[in-house]
C-alpha atoms as a PDB file:
ATOM      1  CA  MET A   1     -39.587  11.980 -46.683  1.00  0.00           C
ATOM      2  CA  LYS A   2     -38.322  12.019 -43.112  1.00  0.00           C
ATOM      3  CA  LYS A   3     -39.898   9.549 -40.694  1.00  0.00           C
ATOM      4  CA  ARG A   4     -41.033  11.075 -37.367  1.00  0.00           C
ATOM      5  CA  ASN A   5     -40.630   9.363 -34.046  1.00  0.00           C
ATOM      6  CA  VAL A   6     -43.918  10.123 -32.299  1.00  0.00           C
ATOM      7  CA  LYS A   7     -42.881   8.775 -28.890  1.00  0.00           C
ATOM      8  CA  LYS A   8     -39.712  10.868 -28.878  1.00  0.00           C
ATOM      9  CA  ASP A   9     -41.600  14.018 -29.902  1.00  0.00           C
ATOM     10  CA  LEU A  10     -44.260  13.417 -27.236  1.00  0.00           C
ATOM     11  CA  PHE A  11     -41.597  12.868 -24.557  1.00  0.00           C
ATOM     12  CA  LYS A  12     -39.819  16.097 -25.510  1.00  0.00           C
ATOM     13  CA  HIS A  13     -43.107  18.007 -25.443  1.00  0.00           C
ATOM     14  CA  CYS A  14     -44.092  16.672 -22.006  1.00  0.00           C
ATOM     15  CA  LYS A  15     -40.641  17.329 -20.582  1.00  0.00           C
ATOM     16  CA  LYS A  16     -40.644  20.873 -21.940  1.00  0.00           C
ATOM     17  CA  ASN A  17     -44.082  21.594 -20.448  1.00  0.00           C
ATOM     18  CA  LYS A  18     -43.103  20.242 -17.022  1.00  0.00           C
ATOM     19  CA  MET A  19     -39.967  22.357 -16.946  1.00  0.00           C
ATOM     20  CA  GLU A  20     -41.907  25.468 -17.909  1.00  0.00           C
ATOM     21  CA  SER A  21     -44.652  24.876 -15.358  1.00  0.00           C
ATOM     22  CA  GLY A  22     -42.124  24.942 -12.527  1.00  0.00           C
ATOM     23  CA  LYS A  23     -42.588  21.372 -11.302  1.00  0.00           C
ATOM     24  CA  TYR A  24     -38.897  20.576 -11.559  1.00  0.00           C
ATOM     25  CA  ARG A  25     -37.499  24.068 -11.565  1.00  0.00           C
ATOM     26  CA  ASN A  26     -38.041  24.522  -7.805  1.00  0.00           C
ATOM     27  CA  ALA A  27     -36.961  21.042  -6.713  1.00  0.00           C
ATOM     28  CA  ARG A  28     -35.635  20.900  -3.152  1.00  0.00           C
ATOM     29  CA  PRO A  29     -32.322  19.271  -2.211  1.00  0.00           C
ATOM     30  CA  GLY A  30     -33.887  17.310   0.664  1.00  0.00           C
ATOM     31  CA  GLY A  31     -34.173  14.163  -1.424  1.00  0.00           C
ATOM     32  CA  CYS A  32     -30.452  14.173  -2.105  1.00  0.00           C
ATOM     33  CA  ALA A  33     -29.633  14.704   1.569  1.00  0.00           C
ATOM     34  CA  TYR A  34     -32.023  11.909   2.589  1.00  0.00           C
ATOM     35  CA  PHE A  35     -30.456   9.580   0.008  1.00  0.00           C
ATOM     36  CA  LEU A  36     -26.926  10.285   1.254  1.00  0.00           C
ATOM     37  CA  ALA A  37     -28.051   9.735   4.855  1.00  0.00           C
ATOM     38  CA  PHE A  38     -29.728   6.485   3.789  1.00  0.00           C
ATOM     39  CA  ILE A  39     -26.503   5.254   2.158  1.00  0.00           C
ATOM     40  CA  GLY A  40     -24.548   6.160   5.293  1.00  0.00           C
ATOM     41  CA  ALA A  41     -27.044   4.329   7.512  1.00  0.00           C
ATOM     42  CA  VAL A  42     -26.916   1.232   5.302  1.00  0.00           C
ATOM     43  CA  ILE A  43     -23.120   1.185   5.476  1.00  0.00           C
ATOM     44  CA  TYR A  44     -23.172   1.664   9.259  1.00  0.00           C
ATOM     45  CA  TYR A  45     -25.763  -1.050   9.930  1.00  0.00           C
ATOM     46  CA  ILE A  46     -24.238  -3.582   7.533  1.00  0.00           C
ATOM     47  CA  GLN A  47     -20.734  -3.082   8.963  1.00  0.00           C
ATOM     48  CA  SER A  48     -22.028  -3.757  12.460  1.00  0.00           C
ATOM     49  CA  ALA A  49     -24.013  -6.842  11.377  1.00  0.00           C
ATOM     50  CA  THR A  50     -22.748 -10.203  12.591  1.00  0.00           C
ATOM     51  CA  SER A  51     -24.968 -12.371  10.380  1.00  0.00           C
ATOM     52  CA  PHE A  52     -26.865 -12.152   7.115  1.00  0.00           C
ATOM     53  CA  TRP A  53     -30.203 -11.492   8.818  1.00  0.00           C
ATOM     54  CA  ASP A  54     -28.666  -8.735  10.931  1.00  0.00           C
ATOM     55  CA  GLY A  55     -27.615  -7.143   7.639  1.00  0.00           C
ATOM     56  CA  VAL A  56     -31.159  -7.453   6.251  1.00  0.00           C
ATOM     57  CA  LEU A  57     -32.552  -5.943   9.451  1.00  0.00           C
ATOM     58  CA  GLY A  58     -29.953  -3.177   9.204  1.00  0.00           C
ATOM     59  CA  PHE A  59     -31.103  -2.370   5.662  1.00  0.00           C
ATOM     60  CA  LEU A  60     -34.711  -2.133   6.856  1.00  0.00           C
ATOM     61  CA  LYS A  61     -33.629   0.073   9.771  1.00  0.00           C
ATOM     62  CA  ALA A  62     -31.806   2.344   7.336  1.00  0.00           C
ATOM     63  CA  ILE A  63     -35.068   2.858   5.442  1.00  0.00           C
ATOM     64  CA  VAL A  64     -37.063   3.916   8.518  1.00  0.00           C
ATOM     65  CA  TRP A  65     -34.419   5.587  10.702  1.00  0.00           C
ATOM     66  CA  PRO A  66     -35.776   9.140  10.151  1.00  0.00           C
ATOM     67  CA  ALA A  67     -39.165   8.083  11.521  1.00  0.00           C
ATOM     68  CA  ILE A  68     -37.503   6.501  14.564  1.00  0.00           C
ATOM     69  CA  LEU A  69     -35.428   9.645  15.086  1.00  0.00           C
ATOM     70  CA  VAL A  70     -38.507  11.899  15.024  1.00  0.00           C
ATOM     71  CA  TYR A  71     -40.380   9.535  17.369  1.00  0.00           C
ATOM     72  CA  LYS A  72     -37.554   9.560  19.930  1.00  0.00           C
ATOM     73  CA  LEU A  73     -37.188  13.327  19.582  1.00  0.00           C
ATOM     74  CA  PHE A  74     -40.877  13.825  20.360  1.00  0.00           C
ATOM     75  CA  ASN A  75     -40.604  11.481  23.358  1.00  0.00           C
ATOM     76  CA  TYR A  76     -37.674  13.538  24.605  1.00  0.00           C
ATOM     77  CA  LEU A  77     -39.493  16.850  24.154  1.00  0.00           C
ATOM     78  CA  ILE A  78     -42.752  15.759  25.761  1.00  0.00           C
END
């Protein structure tokens, strides 16, 4: 008698249902673009850092740079 792996079967079932419902089928590429921009910002800020803490601050800036960009854009437009 063949032993069934319940966790594996449940995972396959859930994955199949999510794909059919359209949750992942219509995924947008914005996450990929944001991730690539984040990596670029991290590289830029860390290269310009002169100390360890400047590098840490640069990493934190790379996380929030889109919010800063939108804020400055709104200040410019208003």
